[in-house]
Protein backbone atom coordinates (compact mmCIF):
# COMPACT_ATOMS: atom_id res chain seq x y z
CA MET A 1 -12.48 -3.50 4.46
CA SER A 2 -10.00 -3.82 1.60
CA SER A 3 -9.62 -7.49 0.66
CA THR A 4 -12.42 -9.48 -0.95
CA PRO A 5 -14.55 -11.51 1.49
CA THR A 6 -13.30 -15.04 0.73
CA VAL A 7 -15.09 -18.21 1.82
CA ALA A 8 -13.38 -21.54 2.52
CA GLY A 9 -15.46 -24.20 4.22
CA ASP A 10 -17.50 -22.63 7.02
CA LEU A 11 -15.20 -19.62 7.37
CA LEU A 12 -15.19 -16.18 5.78
CA PHE A 13 -11.76 -14.51 5.60
CA ILE A 14 -11.24 -10.76 5.29
CA GLY A 15 -8.63 -8.12 6.14
CA SER A 16 -9.44 -4.69 7.57
CA CYS A 17 -7.68 -1.36 7.10
CA ALA A 18 -7.33 -1.22 10.89
CA GLY A 19 -4.64 -3.90 10.69
CA SER A 20 -6.40 -7.15 11.55
CA PHE A 21 -7.08 -10.27 9.51
CA TYR A 22 -10.22 -12.18 10.47
CA ALA A 23 -11.67 -15.66 10.14
CA ILE A 24 -15.42 -15.38 10.68
CA ASN A 25 -18.14 -18.02 10.80
CA LYS A 26 -19.95 -17.35 7.54
CA ALA A 27 -23.36 -18.30 8.95
CA THR A 28 -23.27 -16.35 12.23
CA GLY A 29 -20.65 -13.61 11.81
CA GLN A 30 -18.83 -14.78 14.95
CA VAL A 31 -15.06 -14.28 14.87
CA GLN A 32 -13.24 -17.62 15.06
CA TRP A 33 -9.77 -16.11 15.10
CA SER A 34 -7.99 -12.88 14.22
CA TYR A 35 -4.42 -11.67 13.81
CA ASP A 36 -3.17 -8.12 14.37
CA ILE A 37 -0.42 -7.50 11.80
CA ARG A 38 0.69 -4.26 13.51
CA LYS A 39 2.65 -6.26 16.06
CA ASP A 40 5.03 -7.28 13.24
CA GLY A 41 5.94 -3.76 12.12
CA LYS A 42 4.51 -0.62 10.53
CA GLN A 43 1.76 -2.14 8.39
CA GLN A 44 -2.01 -2.06 8.54
CA SER A 45 -3.57 -2.69 5.12
CA PHE A 46 -4.69 -5.63 2.98
CA HIS A 47 -5.08 -4.53 -0.62
CA GLY A 48 -4.84 -7.89 -2.39
CA ASP A 49 -7.03 -10.96 -2.29
CA PRO A 50 -6.00 -14.03 -0.30
CA LEU A 51 -4.95 -17.42 -1.64
CA VAL A 52 -6.77 -20.43 -0.21
CA THR A 53 -5.18 -23.89 -0.15
CA ASN A 54 -6.34 -27.10 1.53
CA ALA A 55 -4.88 -26.11 4.91
CA LEU A 56 -3.69 -22.50 4.55
CA ILE A 57 -4.90 -18.99 3.83
CA LEU A 58 -2.21 -16.62 2.46
CA ILE A 59 -2.54 -12.83 2.46
CA GLY A 60 -0.26 -9.87 1.73
CA THR A 61 0.05 -6.69 3.82
CA ASP A 62 1.43 -3.18 3.39
CA TYR A 63 1.60 0.36 4.74
CA SER A 64 1.03 2.05 1.40
CA CYS A 65 4.26 3.56 0.02
CA GLU A 66 5.59 4.91 3.32
CA PRO A 67 9.40 4.56 3.29
CA ASP A 68 9.45 3.16 6.83
CA GLY A 69 6.50 0.86 6.23
CA VAL A 70 6.78 -2.90 5.87
CA GLY A 71 4.75 -5.69 4.36
CA HIS A 72 4.52 -9.44 4.73
CA VAL A 73 3.06 -12.48 3.13
CA TYR A 74 1.40 -14.47 5.91
CA ALA A 75 0.58 -18.16 5.65
CA PHE A 76 -2.04 -18.87 8.30
CA GLU A 77 -3.47 -22.22 9.30
CA ARG A 78 -7.07 -21.85 8.14
CA ASP A 79 -8.73 -23.41 11.16
CA SER A 80 -6.59 -22.01 13.97
CA GLY A 81 -4.95 -18.82 12.67
CA GLU A 82 -1.51 -20.12 13.61
CA VAL A 83 1.22 -18.56 11.47
CA ARG A 84 2.86 -21.34 9.43
CA TRP A 85 5.38 -18.85 8.05
CA LYS A 86 5.69 -15.17 7.13
CA TYR A 87 7.84 -13.51 4.48
CA ARG A 88 8.93 -9.90 5.05
CA SER A 89 8.94 -7.41 2.19
CA SER A 90 8.74 -3.65 1.70
CA SER A 91 5.03 -4.10 0.84
CA VAL A 92 2.71 -6.75 -0.60
CA PRO A 93 -0.37 -4.95 -1.99
CA THR A 94 -1.26 -7.56 -4.65
CA ASP A 95 -3.11 -10.84 -4.70
CA ILE A 96 -1.12 -13.94 -3.80
CA VAL A 97 -1.25 -16.36 -6.76
CA GLN A 98 -0.04 -19.94 -6.97
CA HIS A 99 1.67 -22.19 -9.51
CA ASN A 100 2.53 -25.70 -8.34
CA SER A 101 4.38 -25.40 -5.02
CA ASN A 102 5.26 -21.71 -5.37
CA VAL A 103 3.39 -18.44 -4.79
CA TYR A 104 3.90 -15.04 -6.41
CA PHE A 105 3.22 -11.41 -5.48
CA GLY A 106 4.30 -7.83 -6.16
CA SER A 107 5.26 -4.71 -4.18
CA PHE A 108 4.62 -0.97 -4.50
CA GLN A 109 8.23 -0.76 -5.71
CA ASP A 110 7.29 -2.93 -8.74
CA LYS A 111 9.36 -5.82 -7.42
CA TRP A 112 7.90 -9.26 -8.05
CA SER A 113 8.80 -12.30 -5.98
CA SER A 114 8.35 -16.05 -5.90
CA VAL A 115 8.47 -17.96 -2.60
CA ASN A 116 7.88 -21.58 -1.68
CA LEU A 117 4.29 -22.25 -0.65
CA HIS A 118 5.27 -24.59 2.17
CA THR A 119 8.26 -22.77 3.69
CA GLY A 120 8.13 -19.12 2.58
CA ASN A 121 11.71 -19.34 1.27
CA LEU A 122 12.52 -16.98 -1.61
CA ASN A 123 12.98 -18.56 -5.04
CA TRP A 124 13.63 -15.45 -7.14
CA SER A 125 12.68 -11.79 -7.56
CA PHE A 126 12.26 -9.53 -10.60
CA SER A 127 12.07 -5.74 -10.79
CA THR A 128 11.01 -3.52 -13.68
CA GLY A 129 13.08 -0.67 -12.25
CA ALA A 130 10.19 1.76 -12.67
CA PRO A 131 9.68 4.39 -9.95
CA ASN A 132 6.34 4.78 -8.17
CA GLU A 133 6.40 8.43 -7.13
CA ASN A 134 2.58 8.69 -7.11
CA CYS A 135 2.10 5.46 -5.13
CA ASP A 136 0.03 3.96 -7.93
CA ALA A 137 -1.86 0.76 -7.25
CA ILE A 138 -0.09 -2.43 -8.28
CA LYS A 139 -2.17 -4.73 -10.46
CA ALA A 140 -2.66 -8.38 -9.58
CA PRO A 141 -0.45 -10.95 -11.36
CA LEU A 142 -1.61 -14.07 -13.22
CA THR A 143 -0.16 -17.57 -13.50
CA ALA A 144 -0.72 -20.19 -16.21
CA GLU A 145 1.36 -23.01 -17.70
CA ASN A 146 4.60 -22.09 -15.93
CA ARG A 147 4.21 -18.41 -16.82
CA LEU A 148 3.73 -15.41 -14.55
CA PHE A 149 2.08 -12.42 -16.23
CA ILE A 150 2.44 -8.94 -14.75
CA ALA A 151 1.60 -5.35 -15.72
CA GLY A 152 4.60 -3.26 -14.72
CA LEU A 153 4.62 0.37 -13.62
CA ASP A 154 6.69 1.05 -16.74
CA GLY A 155 3.56 0.35 -18.80
CA VAL A 156 4.91 -2.95 -20.09
CA ILE A 157 3.17 -6.33 -19.87
CA TYR A 158 5.66 -9.08 -19.00
CA SER A 159 5.54 -12.83 -19.33
CA LEU A 160 8.03 -14.37 -16.89
CA ASP A 161 9.14 -17.96 -16.56
CA ALA A 162 7.47 -18.98 -13.29
CA SER A 163 10.39 -21.21 -12.29
CA SER A 164 13.23 -18.75 -12.86
CA GLY A 165 11.76 -15.24 -13.22
CA ARG A 166 13.37 -14.79 -16.64
CA VAL A 167 11.48 -12.67 -19.19
CA SER A 168 9.79 -14.82 -21.86
CA TRP A 169 8.29 -11.87 -23.71
CA LYS A 170 7.20 -8.30 -23.07
CA ARG A 171 4.71 -6.05 -24.81
CA LYS A 172 4.28 -2.27 -24.59
CA LEU A 173 0.89 -1.14 -25.83
CA ALA A 174 -0.04 2.32 -27.11
CA ALA A 175 -1.02 3.34 -23.56
CA ALA A 176 -0.42 2.00 -20.06
CA PRO A 177 -2.62 -0.74 -18.58
CA SER A 178 -5.49 0.67 -16.49
CA THR A 179 -6.99 -2.68 -15.44
CA ALA A 180 -5.55 -5.84 -13.98
CA LEU A 181 -4.69 -8.56 -16.47
CA ALA A 182 -7.23 -11.33 -17.08
CA LEU A 183 -6.61 -14.69 -18.71
CA ARG A 184 -8.94 -17.01 -20.57
CA ASP A 185 -8.30 -19.71 -23.19
CA LYS A 186 -4.60 -18.77 -23.52
CA THR A 187 -5.60 -15.17 -24.17
CA ILE A 188 -4.73 -12.15 -22.01
CA TYR A 189 -7.24 -9.31 -21.71
CA VAL A 190 -6.29 -5.83 -20.50
CA GLY A 191 -7.78 -2.34 -20.58
CA THR A 192 -5.61 0.73 -21.15
CA THR A 193 -5.64 4.43 -20.30
CA ASP A 194 -6.51 5.42 -23.88
CA GLN A 195 -9.96 3.85 -23.46
CA ARG A 196 -9.22 0.59 -25.22
CA LEU A 197 -9.54 -3.11 -24.44
CA TYR A 198 -6.99 -5.58 -25.84
CA ARG A 199 -6.65 -9.32 -26.40
CA LEU A 200 -3.10 -10.69 -26.47
CA ASN A 201 -1.78 -14.14 -27.31
CA ALA A 202 -0.49 -15.46 -23.97
CA GLU A 203 2.28 -17.45 -25.66
CA THR A 204 3.78 -14.57 -27.64
CA GLY A 205 2.26 -11.27 -26.49
CA THR A 206 0.96 -10.59 -30.00
CA ILE A 207 -2.15 -8.39 -30.22
CA ILE A 208 -5.14 -10.44 -31.42
CA SER A 209 -7.83 -7.76 -31.34
CA GLU A 210 -8.82 -4.51 -29.65
CA LEU A 211 -11.97 -2.55 -28.94
CA ALA A 212 -12.48 1.20 -28.45
CA LEU A 213 -14.50 2.09 -25.33
CA GLU A 214 -16.43 5.23 -24.34
CA ALA A 215 -14.61 5.74 -21.01
CA ASN A 216 -11.55 4.56 -19.11
CA PRO A 217 -11.53 0.85 -18.16
CA VAL A 218 -10.69 0.26 -14.48
CA GLY A 219 -10.52 -2.47 -11.86
CA ARG A 220 -10.60 -6.13 -12.75
CA LEU A 221 -12.38 -8.15 -15.41
CA ALA A 222 -14.75 -11.08 -14.94
CA PHE A 223 -15.88 -13.82 -17.35
CA ALA A 224 -19.05 -15.87 -17.76
CA ASN A 225 -19.57 -18.10 -20.79
CA ASP A 226 -18.53 -16.01 -23.82
CA SER A 227 -18.99 -12.66 -22.07
CA LEU A 228 -16.50 -10.37 -20.35
CA PHE A 229 -17.69 -7.89 -17.70
CA MET A 230 -15.82 -4.76 -16.66
CA PHE A 231 -16.11 -1.26 -15.22
CA LEU A 232 -15.61 2.00 -17.11
CA GLU A 233 -15.06 5.34 -15.41
CA ASN A 234 -15.60 8.89 -16.61
CA ALA A 235 -13.87 10.77 -13.80
CA SER A 236 -14.66 14.28 -15.07
CA GLU A 237 -18.42 13.61 -15.03
CA ARG A 238 -18.35 11.25 -12.02
CA LEU A 239 -20.03 8.56 -14.08
CA GLY A 240 -19.35 4.86 -14.05
CA TYR A 241 -20.50 2.01 -16.24
CA ILE A 242 -20.60 -1.74 -15.97
CA ILE A 243 -20.45 -3.28 -19.44
CA SER A 244 -20.66 -6.69 -21.05
CA VAL A 245 -18.40 -7.37 -24.02
CA ASP A 246 -18.21 -10.50 -26.13
CA SER A 247 -14.97 -12.43 -25.56
CA LYS A 248 -13.67 -11.76 -29.09
CA LEU A 249 -14.08 -7.98 -28.52
CA ALA A 250 -16.49 -7.56 -31.41
CA ASP A 251 -18.88 -5.24 -29.57
CA VAL A 252 -20.40 -4.06 -26.29
CA ARG A 253 -23.49 -6.15 -25.51
CA TRP A 254 -24.97 -3.99 -22.76
CA LYS A 255 -24.09 -1.33 -20.21
CA GLN A 256 -25.50 0.07 -16.97
CA ARG A 257 -24.60 3.44 -15.49
CA SER A 258 -23.88 4.56 -11.92
CA SER A 259 -23.35 8.02 -10.44
CA PRO A 260 -21.12 8.09 -8.48
CA VAL A 261 -18.95 5.48 -10.16
CA TRP A 262 -18.94 1.80 -9.31
CA VAL A 263 -16.15 1.24 -6.79
CA THR A 264 -16.16 -2.50 -6.20
CA GLU A 265 -12.90 -4.04 -7.36
CA ARG A 266 -14.56 -6.17 -10.02
CA PRO A 267 -18.04 -7.06 -11.29
CA HIS A 268 -19.02 -9.97 -9.05
CA LEU A 269 -20.68 -12.94 -10.75
CA TRP A 270 -23.38 -14.51 -8.60
CA LYS A 271 -25.95 -17.00 -9.86
CA GLU A 272 -26.99 -15.57 -13.24
CA SER A 273 -26.33 -11.96 -12.27
CA VAL A 274 -23.51 -9.43 -12.18
CA VAL A 275 -23.32 -7.51 -8.90
CA ALA A 276 -21.66 -4.12 -8.29
CA GLY A 277 -21.60 -1.45 -5.58
CA ASN A 278 -20.84 2.24 -5.19
CA CYS A 279 -19.85 4.64 -2.39
CA ARG A 280 -23.43 5.65 -1.65
CA GLY A 281 -24.10 2.14 -0.39
CA ALA A 282 -26.02 0.98 -3.45
CA MET A 283 -25.45 -2.67 -4.36
CA ALA A 284 -27.21 -3.72 -7.56
CA ALA A 285 -27.54 -6.90 -9.58
CA PHE A 286 -28.00 -7.06 -13.35
CA ARG A 287 -28.90 -10.07 -15.45
CA ALA A 288 -25.68 -11.27 -17.05
CA THR A 289 -27.21 -11.98 -20.46
CA ASP A 290 -28.77 -8.58 -21.16
CA GLY A 291 -28.06 -6.21 -18.24
CA GLU A 292 -31.68 -6.10 -17.07
CA PRO A 293 -31.82 -4.87 -13.43
CA GLN A 294 -32.66 -7.73 -11.04
CA TRP A 295 -32.57 -6.26 -7.54
CA ASN A 296 -30.80 -3.67 -5.39
CA LEU A 297 -29.85 -3.27 -1.74
CA SER A 298 -29.00 -0.19 0.29
CA LEU A 299 -26.03 -0.53 2.65
CA LYS A 300 -24.32 1.97 4.91
CA GLY A 301 -20.88 2.67 3.52
CA CYS A 302 -18.68 2.60 0.45
CA ILE A 303 -18.88 -0.92 -0.99
CA LYS A 304 -15.34 -1.93 -1.92
CA ARG A 305 -15.43 -5.73 -2.24
CA ILE A 306 -18.11 -8.38 -2.80
CA GLY A 307 -17.89 -12.13 -2.24
CA SER A 308 -20.35 -15.02 -2.22
CA SER A 309 -20.92 -18.62 -1.18
CA GLY A 310 -24.03 -20.46 -2.33
CA ASN A 311 -27.05 -18.25 -1.62
CA MET A 312 -25.05 -15.96 0.66
CA LEU A 313 -23.65 -12.67 -0.57
CA PHE A 314 -21.00 -10.78 1.43
CA ALA A 315 -20.06 -7.12 1.09
CA GLY A 316 -17.17 -5.32 2.77
CA VAL A 317 -17.47 -1.55 3.10
CA GLN A 318 -14.65 0.93 3.50
CA GLU A 319 -15.97 2.04 6.89
CA GLY A 320 -15.23 -1.41 8.35
CA THR A 321 -18.50 -3.36 8.32
CA ILE A 322 -19.12 -6.73 6.68
CA TYR A 323 -22.66 -7.38 5.48
CA ALA A 324 -24.00 -10.88 4.86
CA TYR A 325 -27.24 -11.44 2.97
CA GLU A 326 -28.92 -14.77 2.35
CA LEU A 327 -30.82 -14.18 -0.83
CA PRO A 328 -33.36 -16.45 -2.52
CA GLU A 329 -32.55 -18.16 -5.77
CA LYS A 330 -34.36 -15.41 -7.70
CA PRO A 331 -34.40 -12.20 -5.62
């Protein structure tokens, strides 16, 4: 499973690397509807997270960087699985994000597009022009206050006008972004390949502060109160860390190590804990305030994505299984 298990109402939505998108009853695990994307062309993967609206669930698809592969954005009716519309692209490996009545996404070719939420009609597209010879992962975009923020394959962070796609500002840091962008209180956070974490002013792109880290920041960031949670990876020693940093980047509050590295896309916030998983099937929770271990579970498979709803925790593993656990308030 590649996309994050996402709950809306009584349904759990998830895409599989075998080419099907599922709506599952979150309480029983029974499939309510599914859609096989392979019937629409050479595509089989869901790398980004879906967008949930009142009536729709939107998801992007791809076939990696294969030259004859295709991708789509699908807008499904949540309850029935009927396709409201679909937009064809070379690939759509990113999250689908929304601003007003438009949605935004990127491709492996570093082309970014805006389409109408209700019709799927193209509004505009923007390309950095950077090649992607190594088929690098494309980082999820952000939207806020009529801005679209992206981390391009050229190593530049762009702020685009969400209505027109015009560049408002761009910022090239000392090294390329290694994490997805995160936004809080008009501030952009991003980790870079030189083992640093930055805060940027979202209005101007000006650097506010930065923090040196002990390993390479990866994945996505998560916030709770005045804390930021993220993964670090030391590839040469096969070590991974989950760390808590204060939101002003003054210092690292706590860290927990994993060997092999944590592989979930982001630290998942659940209740008062931070949950992470690795490829040995270990899923562990740490107290958000101080990193104290709370509980752990042993699953079969490489835990790629974690989702939750109330007391239920969902984990999708690379081998294709979805696990659902109903945990007590204080496991």
